[in-house]
Protein backbone atom coordinates (compact mmCIF):
# COMPACT_ATOMS: atom_id res chain seq x y z
CA MET A 1 115.32 92.09 97.87
CA VAL A 2 115.67 89.87 100.92
CA GLU A 3 114.06 86.49 101.52
CA VAL A 4 114.10 85.46 105.19
CA LYS A 5 113.94 81.77 106.10
CA THR A 6 113.76 80.57 109.70
CA ARG A 7 114.04 77.06 111.09
CA SER A 8 114.16 75.70 114.62
CA THR A 9 116.82 73.17 113.65
CA ASP A 10 119.18 72.40 110.80
CA TYR A 11 118.49 68.67 111.09
CA PHE A 12 116.76 68.59 107.68
CA GLY A 13 119.07 71.17 106.09
CA ASN A 14 119.86 74.84 106.16
CA PRO A 15 117.01 77.34 105.87
CA GLN A 16 118.24 78.57 102.48
CA ASP A 17 117.95 75.03 101.12
CA PHE A 18 114.16 75.36 101.32
CA ILE A 19 113.95 78.13 98.73
CA THR A 20 112.82 76.23 95.66
CA PRO A 21 113.35 77.22 92.03
CA LYS A 22 109.60 77.95 91.90
CA LYS A 23 109.91 80.34 94.88
CA ILE A 24 112.91 82.05 93.25
CA LYS A 25 110.89 82.52 90.07
CA LEU A 26 108.02 84.08 92.05
CA ILE A 27 110.39 86.42 93.94
CA VAL A 28 112.09 87.55 90.73
CA SER A 29 108.74 88.05 89.01
CA ALA A 30 107.40 90.13 91.91
CA MET A 31 110.52 92.30 91.99
CA ASP A 32 110.45 92.74 88.21
CA HIS A 33 106.82 93.88 88.42
CA TYR A 34 107.68 96.31 91.24
CA VAL A 35 110.58 97.85 89.31
CA VAL A 36 108.60 98.14 86.06
CA GLU A 37 105.46 99.56 87.72
CA ARG A 38 107.47 102.28 89.44
CA ASP A 39 109.68 102.92 86.40
CA LEU A 40 112.80 102.46 88.52
CA ASP A 41 116.29 102.44 87.06
CA VAL A 42 117.96 100.23 89.65
CA GLU A 43 120.01 97.08 89.90
CA VAL A 44 118.35 94.44 92.04
CA ARG A 45 120.24 92.11 94.33
CA PHE A 46 118.62 89.01 95.82
CA ASP A 47 119.84 88.13 99.32
CA ILE A 48 118.78 85.48 101.82
CA ILE A 49 118.77 85.85 105.59
CA ALA A 50 118.91 82.32 107.06
CA ILE A 51 118.01 82.01 110.74
CA ILE A 52 118.23 78.93 112.93
CA HIS A 53 116.73 79.28 116.40
CA GLN A 54 118.13 76.62 118.70
CA LYS A 55 117.38 76.69 122.41
CA ASN A 56 118.01 80.30 123.47
CA ALA A 57 120.36 81.25 120.65
CA PHE A 58 120.06 82.39 117.07
CA LYS A 59 122.43 81.56 114.24
CA ILE A 60 122.01 84.17 111.52
CA GLU A 61 123.62 84.02 108.10
CA HIS A 62 123.37 86.73 105.42
CA LEU A 63 123.87 85.32 101.94
CA LYS A 64 124.50 88.19 99.54
CA GLU A 65 123.60 87.71 95.88
CA ALA A 66 122.12 84.34 96.77
CA PHE A 67 120.60 83.86 93.33
CA LEU A 68 120.77 85.70 90.07
CA TYR A 69 118.08 87.45 88.10
CA PHE A 70 117.11 85.30 85.12
């Protein structure tokens, strides 16, 4: 599962800083529902792709296992 966050600046913080505990709970719940509905026997990893678009350049960061299933 990948959550993508994009910002035009990091002035207020990194994109990943804007993923709230409530958002994490919703993402985990949605993935849990998906896995259960399809009767999948898989391990789920939650990653974040953080993108900052400044001028004509992109700074992209891939955060693997960004948060844990709880």
